[in-house]
Amino acid sequence: MIRLENVQKLFRTDEVETTAVDDVSLAVAEGEFVSIMGPSGCGKSTLMNIMGLIDRPDAGHYFFNGENVTRNPQKSLTELRRRHIGFVFQNFNLIDELTVFENVELPMIYGGGLSAAERREKVERVLKKVDMGHRIRHFPRQLSGGQQQRVAVARAIVNQPQLILADEPTGNLDSEHGAEVMDMLDALQKEGTTIVMVTHSPESAARADRVVKMLDGRIQ
């Protein structure tokens, strides 16, 4: 599903040039669960943003589902991201002013093409799947951290993406709630979803099929 070939990403300021990702080549098979580990600042999140079609590499090539998308127009990348990729973040990134239902519904509103009734059915189904159907009218501030991350997972999977990119999904959770989130990711993989996860946690990384270690922008 994912193939990176000699990918490089630079960040420049007036006086400093930093190589965040340095000549990285990596392949992820469909249905695989891969963990990426490494110290802070080693390039893990930048690499994930490239995989998620948020950042473009400055050099090298990115193949997604066999298509070289390295130089695709932004509109094409946005459509690919909307149709095929779901994101789960450490800080949940829920919108405080929206209910649980509205947060999960949002990706479908942006995507268009579904009636209100169709969106409702999908939201209710996915919230039941993550055991949050009883909180559908609550706001994020009324939920625990573990519950917020369950809602974030529901939002990520409501459009049935092929790929889930999870950036430190257990980073703000205690061990019990972190294990629950990892159980959900395991279940998604068993259903055929490809998962790439950035984590500092050896316990979480051990749940993956493969662990990739990064240091100073390179894969070790």
N, C-alpha and C. Protein backbone atom coordinates (compact mmCIF):
# COMPACT_ATOMS: atom_id res chain seq x y z
N MET A 1 0.82 -1.21 0.00
CA MET A 1 0.00 0.00 0.00
C MET A 1 0.86 1.27 0.00
N ILE A 2 1.92 1.26 0.81
CA ILE A 2 2.81 2.43 0.93
C ILE A 2 4.20 2.02 0.49
N ARG A 3 4.81 2.84 -0.36
CA ARG A 3 6.21 2.65 -0.70
C ARG A 3 6.91 3.99 -0.79
N LEU A 4 7.86 4.21 0.09
CA LEU A 4 8.69 5.41 0.08
C LEU A 4 10.05 5.05 -0.48
N GLU A 5 10.53 5.86 -1.41
CA GLU A 5 11.84 5.61 -2.01
C GLU A 5 12.73 6.83 -1.85
N ASN A 6 13.76 6.69 -1.00
CA ASN A 6 14.78 7.74 -0.82
C ASN A 6 14.16 9.11 -0.52
N VAL A 7 13.19 9.10 0.39
CA VAL A 7 12.45 10.33 0.69
C VAL A 7 13.26 11.23 1.62
N GLN A 8 13.23 12.52 1.32
CA GLN A 8 13.90 13.52 2.14
C GLN A 8 12.96 14.70 2.36
N LYS A 9 12.99 15.24 3.59
CA LYS A 9 12.20 16.43 3.91
C LYS A 9 13.06 17.40 4.69
N LEU A 10 13.15 18.64 4.17
CA LEU A 10 13.94 19.69 4.79
C LEU A 10 13.03 20.77 5.36
N PHE A 11 13.45 21.36 6.47
CA PHE A 11 12.79 22.54 7.00
C PHE A 11 13.82 23.65 7.11
N ARG A 12 13.48 24.82 6.59
CA ARG A 12 14.44 25.93 6.54
C ARG A 12 13.92 27.13 7.30
N THR A 13 14.82 27.78 8.03
CA THR A 13 14.56 29.10 8.59
C THR A 13 15.60 30.03 7.98
N ASP A 14 15.64 31.27 8.43
CA ASP A 14 16.58 32.23 7.85
C ASP A 14 18.02 31.77 7.97
N GLU A 15 18.35 31.09 9.06
CA GLU A 15 19.75 30.75 9.30
C GLU A 15 20.03 29.25 9.37
N VAL A 16 19.00 28.45 9.52
CA VAL A 16 19.21 27.02 9.77
C VAL A 16 18.42 26.18 8.78
N GLU A 17 19.05 25.11 8.29
CA GLU A 17 18.37 24.10 7.48
C GLU A 17 18.44 22.77 8.22
N THR A 18 17.27 22.18 8.48
CA THR A 18 17.20 20.92 9.22
C THR A 18 16.64 19.83 8.32
N THR A 19 17.33 18.71 8.28
CA THR A 19 16.85 17.55 7.53
C THR A 19 16.04 16.69 8.48
N ALA A 20 14.71 16.78 8.37
CA ALA A 20 13.83 16.03 9.28
C ALA A 20 13.72 14.57 8.89
N VAL A 21 13.67 14.31 7.58
CA VAL A 21 13.63 12.94 7.06
C VAL A 21 14.73 12.83 6.03
N ASP A 22 15.62 11.86 6.22
CA ASP A 22 16.86 11.81 5.44
C ASP A 22 17.00 10.49 4.71
N ASP A 23 16.67 10.49 3.42
CA ASP A 23 16.89 9.34 2.54
C ASP A 23 16.21 8.07 3.07
N VAL A 24 14.93 8.20 3.39
CA VAL A 24 14.17 7.08 3.95
C VAL A 24 13.48 6.28 2.85
N SER A 25 13.67 4.98 2.89
CA SER A 25 12.94 4.05 2.04
C SER A 25 12.20 3.06 2.94
N LEU A 26 10.92 2.88 2.68
CA LEU A 26 10.08 2.06 3.56
C LEU A 26 8.88 1.57 2.78
N ALA A 27 8.51 0.31 3.01
CA ALA A 27 7.30 -0.25 2.40
C ALA A 27 6.40 -0.79 3.50
N VAL A 28 5.09 -0.55 3.35
CA VAL A 28 4.09 -1.08 4.27
C VAL A 28 3.06 -1.83 3.45
N ALA A 29 2.87 -3.10 3.75
CA ALA A 29 1.93 -3.93 2.99
C ALA A 29 0.50 -3.67 3.43
N GLU A 30 -0.43 -3.93 2.53
CA GLU A 30 -1.85 -3.80 2.87
C GLU A 30 -2.18 -4.75 4.02
N GLY A 31 -2.85 -4.22 5.04
CA GLY A 31 -3.25 -5.02 6.18
C GLY A 31 -2.20 -5.16 7.26
N GLU A 32 -1.03 -4.54 7.06
CA GLU A 32 0.05 -4.64 8.04
C GLU A 32 -0.12 -3.59 9.13
N PHE A 33 0.42 -3.89 10.31
CA PHE A 33 0.44 -2.96 11.44
C PHE A 33 1.91 -2.68 11.74
N VAL A 34 2.34 -1.43 11.49
CA VAL A 34 3.74 -1.04 11.66
C VAL A 34 3.83 0.05 12.72
N SER A 35 4.75 -0.12 13.68
CA SER A 35 5.06 0.91 14.66
C SER A 35 6.36 1.60 14.28
N ILE A 36 6.40 2.92 14.44
CA ILE A 36 7.62 3.69 14.24
C ILE A 36 8.04 4.27 15.58
N MET A 37 9.27 3.95 15.99
CA MET A 37 9.77 4.41 17.29
C MET A 37 11.05 5.22 17.11
N GLY A 38 11.33 6.06 18.09
CA GLY A 38 12.55 6.85 18.07
C GLY A 38 12.42 8.02 19.01
N PRO A 39 13.53 8.68 19.35
CA PRO A 39 13.48 9.82 20.27
C PRO A 39 12.75 11.01 19.67
N SER A 40 12.34 11.94 20.52
CA SER A 40 11.69 13.16 20.05
C SER A 40 12.62 13.88 19.08
N GLY A 41 12.02 14.40 17.99
CA GLY A 41 12.79 15.15 17.02
C GLY A 41 13.51 14.31 15.99
N CYS A 42 13.26 12.99 15.98
CA CYS A 42 13.99 12.13 15.04
C CYS A 42 13.34 12.08 13.66
N GLY A 43 12.15 12.68 13.49
CA GLY A 43 11.52 12.70 12.17
C GLY A 43 10.30 11.81 12.04
N LYS A 44 9.87 11.19 13.14
CA LYS A 44 8.75 10.25 13.07
C LYS A 44 7.47 10.92 12.58
N SER A 45 7.11 12.03 13.19
CA SER A 45 5.85 12.69 12.84
C SER A 45 5.91 13.30 11.43
N THR A 46 7.08 13.80 11.05
CA THR A 46 7.24 14.32 9.68
C THR A 46 7.05 13.20 8.67
N LEU A 47 7.63 12.03 8.95
CA LEU A 47 7.46 10.88 8.07
C LEU A 47 5.98 10.50 7.98
N MET A 48 5.28 10.53 9.11
CA MET A 48 3.85 10.21 9.10
C MET A 48 3.06 11.24 8.30
N ASN A 49 3.43 12.52 8.39
CA ASN A 49 2.73 13.55 7.61
C ASN A 49 2.94 13.35 6.12
N ILE A 50 4.11 12.86 5.73
CA ILE A 50 4.34 12.54 4.31
C ILE A 50 3.45 11.37 3.90
N MET A 51 3.40 10.33 4.72
CA MET A 51 2.53 9.19 4.42
C MET A 51 1.07 9.61 4.33
N GLY A 52 0.68 10.58 5.18
CA GLY A 52 -0.70 11.04 5.21
C GLY A 52 -1.04 12.10 4.17
N LEU A 53 -0.08 12.39 3.27
CA LEU A 53 -0.28 13.35 2.18
C LEU A 53 -0.54 14.76 2.69
N ILE A 54 0.00 15.05 3.88
CA ILE A 54 -0.08 16.40 4.44
C ILE A 54 1.15 17.20 4.02
N ASP A 55 2.33 16.58 4.13
CA ASP A 55 3.58 17.19 3.67
C ASP A 55 4.06 16.50 2.41
N ARG A 56 4.72 17.27 1.54
CA ARG A 56 5.36 16.69 0.36
C ARG A 56 6.84 16.47 0.64
N PRO A 57 7.42 15.37 0.16
CA PRO A 57 8.87 15.22 0.27
C PRO A 57 9.59 16.21 -0.65
N ASP A 58 10.76 16.65 -0.22
CA ASP A 58 11.58 17.52 -1.07
C ASP A 58 12.39 16.72 -2.07
N ALA A 59 12.59 15.45 -1.80
CA ALA A 59 13.29 14.56 -2.73
C ALA A 59 12.76 13.15 -2.52
N GLY A 60 12.94 12.30 -3.52
CA GLY A 60 12.45 10.93 -3.44
C GLY A 60 11.03 10.80 -3.97
N HIS A 61 10.46 9.62 -3.78
CA HIS A 61 9.15 9.32 -4.35
C HIS A 61 8.27 8.62 -3.31
N TYR A 62 6.97 8.90 -3.40
CA TYR A 62 5.97 8.26 -2.55
C TYR A 62 4.93 7.60 -3.44
N PHE A 63 4.80 6.28 -3.28
CA PHE A 63 3.79 5.50 -4.00
C PHE A 63 2.71 5.07 -3.02
N PHE A 64 1.45 5.42 -3.35
CA PHE A 64 0.31 5.04 -2.52
C PHE A 64 -0.63 4.20 -3.36
N ASN A 65 -0.88 2.98 -2.92
CA ASN A 65 -1.68 2.02 -3.71
C ASN A 65 -1.14 1.89 -5.13
N GLY A 66 0.18 1.89 -5.26
CA GLY A 66 0.82 1.69 -6.55
C GLY A 66 0.95 2.92 -7.42
N GLU A 67 0.38 4.05 -6.99
CA GLU A 67 0.42 5.29 -7.77
C GLU A 67 1.47 6.24 -7.20
N ASN A 68 2.32 6.77 -8.05
CA ASN A 68 3.30 7.76 -7.62
C ASN A 68 2.56 9.08 -7.39
N VAL A 69 2.40 9.45 -6.12
CA VAL A 69 1.63 10.64 -5.77
C VAL A 69 2.52 11.81 -5.36
N THR A 70 3.82 11.66 -5.57
CA THR A 70 4.79 12.64 -5.07
C THR A 70 4.48 14.05 -5.53
N ARG A 71 4.10 14.19 -6.80
CA ARG A 71 3.88 15.53 -7.36
C ARG A 71 2.42 15.76 -7.77
N ASN A 72 1.52 14.96 -7.20
CA ASN A 72 0.10 15.16 -7.51
C ASN A 72 -0.36 16.56 -7.08
N PRO A 73 -1.31 17.15 -7.80
CA PRO A 73 -1.87 18.44 -7.36
C PRO A 73 -2.49 18.33 -5.97
N GLN A 74 -2.54 19.44 -5.26
CA GLN A 74 -3.05 19.42 -3.90
C GLN A 74 -4.49 18.91 -3.82
N LYS A 75 -5.30 19.27 -4.80
CA LYS A 75 -6.69 18.81 -4.81
C LYS A 75 -6.77 17.30 -4.87
N SER A 76 -5.90 16.69 -5.68
CA SER A 76 -5.86 15.23 -5.79
C SER A 76 -5.43 14.60 -4.47
N LEU A 77 -4.43 15.19 -3.81
CA LEU A 77 -3.96 14.67 -2.53
C LEU A 77 -5.05 14.77 -1.46
N THR A 78 -5.77 15.87 -1.46
CA THR A 78 -6.86 16.05 -0.49
C THR A 78 -7.93 14.98 -0.68
N GLU A 79 -8.26 14.68 -1.92
CA GLU A 79 -9.27 13.67 -2.21
C GLU A 79 -8.78 12.28 -1.80
N LEU A 80 -7.51 11.97 -2.09
CA LEU A 80 -6.95 10.67 -1.68
C LEU A 80 -6.97 10.54 -0.16
N ARG A 81 -6.59 11.61 0.52
CA ARG A 81 -6.57 11.60 1.98
C ARG A 81 -7.98 11.40 2.53
N ARG A 82 -8.94 12.10 1.97
CA ARG A 82 -10.33 12.00 2.46
C ARG A 82 -10.89 10.60 2.27
N ARG A 83 -10.58 9.98 1.13
CA ARG A 83 -11.18 8.69 0.78
C ARG A 83 -10.48 7.50 1.43
N HIS A 84 -9.18 7.62 1.69
CA HIS A 84 -8.41 6.43 2.04
C HIS A 84 -7.70 6.46 3.39
N ILE A 85 -7.60 7.63 4.05
CA ILE A 85 -6.75 7.74 5.23
C ILE A 85 -7.53 8.32 6.41
N GLY A 86 -7.36 7.71 7.57
CA GLY A 86 -7.91 8.23 8.81
C GLY A 86 -6.77 8.54 9.77
N PHE A 87 -6.94 9.58 10.58
CA PHE A 87 -5.89 10.04 11.50
C PHE A 87 -6.36 9.96 12.94
N VAL A 88 -5.45 9.50 13.82
CA VAL A 88 -5.68 9.52 15.26
C VAL A 88 -4.49 10.23 15.89
N PHE A 89 -4.76 11.24 16.73
CA PHE A 89 -3.70 12.08 17.28
C PHE A 89 -3.59 11.91 18.79
N GLN A 90 -2.42 12.25 19.35
CA GLN A 90 -2.19 12.17 20.79
C GLN A 90 -3.15 13.06 21.55
N ASN A 91 -3.41 14.26 21.03
CA ASN A 91 -4.25 15.24 21.74
C ASN A 91 -5.71 15.20 21.31
N PHE A 92 -6.10 14.11 20.67
CA PHE A 92 -7.49 13.83 20.29
C PHE A 92 -8.00 14.74 19.17
N ASN A 93 -7.72 16.07 19.26
CA ASN A 93 -8.13 17.03 18.22
C ASN A 93 -9.64 17.04 17.99
N LEU A 94 -10.40 16.82 19.03
CA LEU A 94 -11.86 16.97 18.94
C LEU A 94 -12.20 18.45 19.06
N ILE A 95 -13.32 18.85 18.47
CA ILE A 95 -13.78 20.24 18.52
C ILE A 95 -14.69 20.41 19.73
N ASP A 96 -14.27 21.25 20.67
CA ASP A 96 -14.96 21.36 21.96
C ASP A 96 -16.41 21.79 21.82
N GLU A 97 -16.70 22.61 20.80
CA GLU A 97 -18.05 23.16 20.66
C GLU A 97 -19.02 22.17 20.01
N LEU A 98 -18.53 21.05 19.52
CA LEU A 98 -19.37 20.06 18.86
C LEU A 98 -19.59 18.86 19.76
N THR A 99 -20.76 18.24 19.65
CA THR A 99 -21.03 17.02 20.40
C THR A 99 -20.22 15.86 19.84
N VAL A 100 -20.25 14.75 20.56
CA VAL A 100 -19.61 13.53 20.07
C VAL A 100 -20.14 13.17 18.68
N PHE A 101 -21.46 13.21 18.54
CA PHE A 101 -22.07 12.90 17.23
C PHE A 101 -21.53 13.83 16.15
N GLU A 102 -21.50 15.12 16.42
CA GLU A 102 -21.09 16.10 15.42
C GLU A 102 -19.61 15.98 15.07
N ASN A 103 -18.77 15.65 16.06
CA ASN A 103 -17.35 15.45 15.79
C ASN A 103 -17.13 14.28 14.84
N VAL A 104 -17.84 13.19 15.06
CA VAL A 104 -17.66 12.01 14.22
C VAL A 104 -18.29 12.21 12.84
N GLU A 105 -19.35 12.99 12.78
CA GLU A 105 -20.03 13.25 11.51
C GLU A 105 -19.22 14.15 10.59
N LEU A 106 -18.33 14.96 11.16
CA LEU A 106 -17.65 16.01 10.40
C LEU A 106 -16.95 15.52 9.13
N PRO A 107 -16.17 14.44 9.16
CA PRO A 107 -15.51 14.00 7.93
C PRO A 107 -16.48 13.69 6.79
N MET A 108 -17.67 13.22 7.13
CA MET A 108 -18.66 12.91 6.09
C MET A 108 -19.28 14.17 5.51
N ILE A 109 -19.43 15.20 6.35
CA ILE A 109 -19.94 16.48 5.86
C ILE A 109 -18.96 17.09 4.88
N TYR A 110 -17.66 17.06 5.24
CA TYR A 110 -16.63 17.57 4.33
C TYR A 110 -16.60 16.79 3.03
N GLY A 111 -16.80 15.47 3.14
CA GLY A 111 -16.73 14.64 1.93
C GLY A 111 -17.93 14.79 1.03
N GLY A 112 -19.09 15.07 1.62
CA GLY A 112 -20.31 15.21 0.83
C GLY A 112 -20.80 13.86 0.31
N GLY A 113 -21.95 13.90 -0.35
CA GLY A 113 -22.47 12.72 -1.02
C GLY A 113 -23.40 11.86 -0.20
N LEU A 114 -23.54 12.14 1.11
CA LEU A 114 -24.41 11.34 1.96
C LEU A 114 -25.52 12.21 2.52
N SER A 115 -26.71 11.62 2.63
CA SER A 115 -27.83 12.34 3.25
C SER A 115 -27.63 12.38 4.77
N ALA A 116 -28.41 13.24 5.43
CA ALA A 116 -28.34 13.33 6.88
C ALA A 116 -28.67 11.99 7.53
N ALA A 117 -29.63 11.28 6.98
CA ALA A 117 -30.01 9.98 7.53
C ALA A 117 -28.89 8.96 7.38
N GLU A 118 -28.22 8.98 6.23
CA GLU A 118 -27.10 8.06 6.00
C GLU A 118 -25.95 8.37 6.94
N ARG A 119 -25.68 9.66 7.15
CA ARG A 119 -24.61 10.04 8.07
C ARG A 119 -24.95 9.60 9.49
N ARG A 120 -26.19 9.80 9.89
CA ARG A 120 -26.60 9.40 11.24
C ARG A 120 -26.40 7.90 11.44
N GLU A 121 -26.81 7.12 10.48
CA GLU A 121 -26.69 5.66 10.60
C GLU A 121 -25.22 5.25 10.77
N LYS A 122 -24.33 5.88 9.99
CA LYS A 122 -22.91 5.52 10.06
C LYS A 122 -22.30 5.97 11.39
N VAL A 123 -22.66 7.17 11.85
CA VAL A 123 -22.13 7.66 13.12
C VAL A 123 -22.58 6.76 14.25
N GLU A 124 -23.85 6.43 14.30
CA GLU A 124 -24.36 5.59 15.38
C GLU A 124 -23.70 4.21 15.37
N ARG A 125 -23.48 3.67 14.17
CA ARG A 125 -22.86 2.35 14.06
C ARG A 125 -21.42 2.37 14.56
N VAL A 126 -20.66 3.40 14.16
CA VAL A 126 -19.24 3.43 14.52
C VAL A 126 -19.05 3.78 16.00
N LEU A 127 -19.92 4.61 16.56
CA LEU A 127 -19.83 4.90 17.98
C LEU A 127 -20.18 3.67 18.83
N LYS A 128 -21.12 2.88 18.36
CA LYS A 128 -21.42 1.63 19.05
C LYS A 128 -20.21 0.69 19.00
N LYS A 129 -19.51 0.71 17.88
CA LYS A 129 -18.35 -0.16 17.69
C LYS A 129 -17.25 0.15 18.69
N VAL A 130 -17.08 1.45 19.04
CA VAL A 130 -16.04 1.83 20.00
C VAL A 130 -16.62 2.02 21.41
N ASP A 131 -17.83 1.52 21.62
CA ASP A 131 -18.49 1.55 22.93
C ASP A 131 -18.70 2.96 23.45
N MET A 132 -19.12 3.86 22.53
CA MET A 132 -19.40 5.24 22.92
C MET A 132 -20.79 5.68 22.48
N GLY A 133 -21.63 4.75 22.12
CA GLY A 133 -22.97 5.10 21.68
C GLY A 133 -23.80 5.79 22.75
N HIS A 134 -23.50 5.52 24.02
CA HIS A 134 -24.25 6.12 25.13
C HIS A 134 -23.83 7.56 25.40
N ARG A 135 -22.79 8.04 24.70
CA ARG A 135 -22.28 9.40 24.93
C ARG A 135 -22.50 10.30 23.72
N ILE A 136 -23.41 9.94 22.87
CA ILE A 136 -23.54 10.58 21.56
C ILE A 136 -23.86 12.07 21.64
N ARG A 137 -24.54 12.51 22.70
CA ARG A 137 -24.93 13.92 22.83
C ARG A 137 -24.01 14.69 23.78
N HIS A 138 -23.00 14.04 24.29
CA HIS A 138 -22.08 14.72 25.19
C HIS A 138 -21.06 15.56 24.41
N PHE A 139 -20.43 16.48 25.11
CA PHE A 139 -19.35 17.28 24.54
C PHE A 139 -18.01 16.72 25.01
N PRO A 140 -16.93 16.97 24.27
CA PRO A 140 -15.62 16.42 24.66
C PRO A 140 -15.23 16.71 26.10
N ARG A 141 -15.55 17.90 26.61
CA ARG A 141 -15.15 18.26 27.97
C ARG A 141 -15.85 17.40 29.02
N GLN A 142 -16.92 16.72 28.63
CA GLN A 142 -17.65 15.86 29.55
C GLN A 142 -17.14 14.42 29.55
N LEU A 143 -16.07 14.17 28.80
CA LEU A 143 -15.55 12.81 28.64
C LEU A 143 -14.17 12.69 29.27
N SER A 144 -13.82 11.48 29.67
CA SER A 144 -12.46 11.20 30.13
C SER A 144 -11.52 11.16 28.92
N GLY A 145 -10.22 11.15 29.19
CA GLY A 145 -9.26 11.07 28.10
C GLY A 145 -9.43 9.82 27.26
N GLY A 146 -9.65 8.70 27.92
CA GLY A 146 -9.87 7.46 27.18
C GLY A 146 -11.10 7.52 26.30
N GLN A 147 -12.17 8.12 26.82
CA GLN A 147 -13.39 8.25 26.03
C GLN A 147 -13.19 9.19 24.85
N GLN A 148 -12.45 10.28 25.06
CA GLN A 148 -12.17 11.19 23.95
C GLN A 148 -11.39 10.49 22.85
N GLN A 149 -10.44 9.64 23.24
CA GLN A 149 -9.66 8.95 22.21
C GLN A 149 -10.52 7.92 21.48
N ARG A 150 -11.48 7.32 22.16
CA ARG A 150 -12.41 6.40 21.48
C ARG A 150 -13.22 7.17 20.42
N VAL A 151 -13.66 8.37 20.78
CA VAL A 151 -14.39 9.19 19.81
C VAL A 151 -13.48 9.57 18.65
N ALA A 152 -12.22 9.88 18.95
CA ALA A 152 -11.26 10.22 17.88
C ALA A 152 -11.05 9.04 16.95
N VAL A 153 -11.00 7.83 17.50
CA VAL A 153 -10.88 6.64 16.65
C VAL A 153 -12.13 6.48 15.79
N ALA A 154 -13.30 6.70 16.39
CA ALA A 154 -14.55 6.62 15.63
C ALA A 154 -14.55 7.60 14.46
N ARG A 155 -14.11 8.83 14.72
CA ARG A 155 -14.03 9.83 13.65
C ARG A 155 -13.07 9.37 12.56
N ALA A 156 -11.97 8.75 12.95
CA ALA A 156 -10.97 8.31 11.97
C ALA A 156 -11.47 7.19 11.08
N ILE A 157 -12.37 6.35 11.59
CA ILE A 157 -12.78 5.17 10.83
C ILE A 157 -14.17 5.29 10.21
N VAL A 158 -14.85 6.42 10.43
CA VAL A 158 -16.25 6.51 9.99
C VAL A 158 -16.37 6.42 8.47
N ASN A 159 -15.34 6.86 7.74
CA ASN A 159 -15.37 6.75 6.28
C ASN A 159 -14.72 5.47 5.77
N GLN A 160 -14.47 4.53 6.69
CA GLN A 160 -13.90 3.23 6.36
C GLN A 160 -12.60 3.36 5.54
N PRO A 161 -11.61 4.04 6.09
CA PRO A 161 -10.36 4.23 5.36
C PRO A 161 -9.56 2.93 5.25
N GLN A 162 -8.72 2.87 4.21
CA GLN A 162 -7.81 1.73 4.07
C GLN A 162 -6.66 1.81 5.06
N LEU A 163 -6.28 3.04 5.41
CA LEU A 163 -5.08 3.28 6.21
C LEU A 163 -5.41 4.16 7.41
N ILE A 164 -4.97 3.74 8.59
CA ILE A 164 -5.04 4.56 9.79
C ILE A 164 -3.62 4.99 10.16
N LEU A 165 -3.42 6.30 10.33
CA LEU A 165 -2.16 6.84 10.81
C LEU A 165 -2.39 7.34 12.23
N ALA A 166 -1.71 6.75 13.19
CA ALA A 166 -1.92 7.06 14.60
C ALA A 166 -0.64 7.64 15.18
N ASP A 167 -0.69 8.91 15.59
CA ASP A 167 0.48 9.61 16.12
C ASP A 167 0.38 9.67 17.64
N GLU A 168 1.15 8.81 18.32
CA GLU A 168 1.13 8.72 19.78
C GLU A 168 -0.30 8.57 20.32
N PRO A 169 -1.07 7.59 19.84
CA PRO A 169 -2.49 7.52 20.23
C PRO A 169 -2.72 7.22 21.70
N THR A 170 -1.71 6.69 22.40
CA THR A 170 -1.86 6.40 23.83
C THR A 170 -1.04 7.36 24.69
N GLY A 171 -0.45 8.38 24.08
CA GLY A 171 0.49 9.25 24.79
C GLY A 171 -0.10 10.01 25.95
N ASN A 172 -1.38 10.36 25.89
CA ASN A 172 -2.01 11.12 26.97
C ASN A 172 -2.94 10.27 27.82
N LEU A 173 -2.79 8.94 27.75
CA LEU A 173 -3.69 8.05 28.45
C LEU A 173 -2.94 7.23 29.50
N ASP A 174 -3.67 6.83 30.56
CA ASP A 174 -3.06 5.90 31.51
C ASP A 174 -2.98 4.51 30.87
N SER A 175 -2.34 3.58 31.56
CA SER A 175 -2.06 2.27 30.96
C SER A 175 -3.35 1.52 30.61
N GLU A 176 -4.36 1.63 31.45
CA GLU A 176 -5.61 0.91 31.19
C GLU A 176 -6.30 1.44 29.93
N HIS A 177 -6.45 2.76 29.84
CA HIS A 177 -7.12 3.32 28.67
C HIS A 177 -6.24 3.20 27.42
N GLY A 178 -4.93 3.27 27.59
CA GLY A 178 -4.03 3.05 26.46
C GLY A 178 -4.19 1.66 25.89
N ALA A 179 -4.31 0.67 26.77
CA ALA A 179 -4.51 -0.71 26.31
C ALA A 179 -5.83 -0.86 25.57
N GLU A 180 -6.86 -0.14 26.01
CA GLU A 180 -8.15 -0.20 25.32
C GLU A 180 -8.04 0.36 23.90
N VAL A 181 -7.31 1.46 23.74
CA VAL A 181 -7.13 2.02 22.40
C VAL A 181 -6.34 1.05 21.52
N MET A 182 -5.31 0.43 22.08
CA MET A 182 -4.54 -0.54 21.31
C MET A 182 -5.40 -1.74 20.92
N ASP A 183 -6.31 -2.15 21.80
CA ASP A 183 -7.23 -3.24 21.46
C ASP A 183 -8.09 -2.86 20.26
N MET A 184 -8.53 -1.59 20.22
CA MET A 184 -9.33 -1.13 19.08
C MET A 184 -8.52 -1.16 17.79
N LEU A 185 -7.26 -0.73 17.87
CA LEU A 185 -6.41 -0.75 16.68
C LEU A 185 -6.17 -2.19 16.22
N ASP A 186 -5.95 -3.09 17.16
CA ASP A 186 -5.79 -4.51 16.82
C ASP A 186 -7.02 -5.04 16.09
N ALA A 187 -8.20 -4.68 16.60
CA ALA A 187 -9.45 -5.14 15.99
C ALA A 187 -9.60 -4.59 14.57
N LEU A 188 -9.22 -3.33 14.37
CA LEU A 188 -9.30 -2.74 13.04
C LEU A 188 -8.37 -3.46 12.07
N GLN A 189 -7.17 -3.80 12.54
CA GLN A 189 -6.27 -4.54 11.66
C GLN A 189 -6.85 -5.89 11.28
N LYS A 190 -7.46 -6.56 12.23
CA LYS A 190 -8.05 -7.87 11.94
C LYS A 190 -9.14 -7.76 10.89
N GLU A 191 -9.76 -6.59 10.78
CA GLU A 191 -10.79 -6.37 9.76
C GLU A 191 -10.17 -5.97 8.41
N GLY A 192 -8.84 -5.83 8.36
CA GLY A 192 -8.17 -5.55 7.10
C GLY A 192 -7.58 -4.16 6.96
N THR A 193 -7.72 -3.32 7.99
CA THR A 193 -7.20 -1.95 7.92
C THR A 193 -5.68 -1.97 8.11
N THR A 194 -4.98 -1.20 7.29
CA THR A 194 -3.54 -1.00 7.45
C THR A 194 -3.32 0.09 8.50
N ILE A 195 -2.37 -0.14 9.41
CA ILE A 195 -2.12 0.82 10.49
C ILE A 195 -0.64 1.14 10.57
N VAL A 196 -0.32 2.44 10.61
CA VAL A 196 1.03 2.90 10.90
C VAL A 196 0.92 3.79 12.14
N MET A 197 1.70 3.46 13.17
CA MET A 197 1.60 4.15 14.45
C MET A 197 2.97 4.66 14.89
N VAL A 198 3.02 5.93 15.24
CA VAL A 198 4.19 6.51 15.91
C VAL A 198 3.96 6.38 17.41
N THR A 199 4.97 5.88 18.13
CA THR A 199 4.81 5.73 19.58
C THR A 199 6.16 5.76 20.29
N HIS A 200 6.15 6.23 21.54
CA HIS A 200 7.30 6.12 22.42
C HIS A 200 7.18 4.89 23.32
N SER A 201 6.03 4.25 23.29
CA SER A 201 5.73 3.18 24.24
C SER A 201 6.17 1.81 23.70
N PRO A 202 7.13 1.15 24.35
CA PRO A 202 7.51 -0.20 23.92
C PRO A 202 6.34 -1.18 23.99
N GLU A 203 5.47 -1.00 25.01
CA GLU A 203 4.32 -1.90 25.15
C GLU A 203 3.37 -1.76 23.97
N SER A 204 3.11 -0.51 23.54
CA SER A 204 2.24 -0.30 22.38
C SER A 204 2.91 -0.80 21.11
N ALA A 205 4.20 -0.51 20.95
CA ALA A 205 4.91 -0.92 19.74
C ALA A 205 4.92 -2.43 19.59
N ALA A 206 4.96 -3.14 20.71
CA ALA A 206 5.02 -4.60 20.66
C ALA A 206 3.74 -5.21 20.10
N ARG A 207 2.67 -4.44 20.05
CA ARG A 207 1.40 -4.95 19.51
C ARG A 207 1.42 -4.99 17.97
N ALA A 208 2.39 -4.33 17.37
CA ALA A 208 2.45 -4.25 15.90
C ALA A 208 3.10 -5.49 15.30
N ASP A 209 2.92 -5.67 14.00
CA ASP A 209 3.59 -6.76 13.28
C ASP A 209 5.08 -6.49 13.14
N ARG A 210 5.43 -5.20 13.08
CA ARG A 210 6.82 -4.82 12.80
C ARG A 210 7.12 -3.48 13.45
N VAL A 211 8.32 -3.34 13.99
CA VAL A 211 8.75 -2.08 14.60
C VAL A 211 9.87 -1.49 13.75
N VAL A 212 9.69 -0.23 13.33
CA VAL A 212 10.70 0.50 12.57
C VAL A 212 11.30 1.56 13.50
N LYS A 213 12.62 1.59 13.62
CA LYS A 213 13.28 2.53 14.52
C LYS A 213 13.94 3.64 13.71
N MET A 214 13.73 4.90 14.18
CA MET A 214 14.31 6.05 13.53
C MET A 214 15.26 6.78 14.47
N LEU A 215 16.28 7.39 13.86
CA LEU A 215 17.22 8.23 14.60
C LEU A 215 17.79 9.27 13.63
N ASP A 216 17.71 10.53 14.02
CA ASP A 216 18.26 11.62 13.20
C ASP A 216 17.74 11.59 11.77
N GLY A 217 16.45 11.33 11.61
CA GLY A 217 15.83 11.37 10.30
C GLY A 217 16.00 10.14 9.45
N ARG A 218 16.71 9.15 9.97
CA ARG A 218 16.97 7.94 9.20
C ARG A 218 16.38 6.71 9.87
N ILE A 219 16.05 5.71 9.08
CA ILE A 219 15.64 4.41 9.60
C ILE A 219 16.89 3.62 9.94
N GLN A 220 16.88 3.06 11.16
CA GLN A 220 18.05 2.32 11.63
C GLN A 220 18.03 0.85 11.16
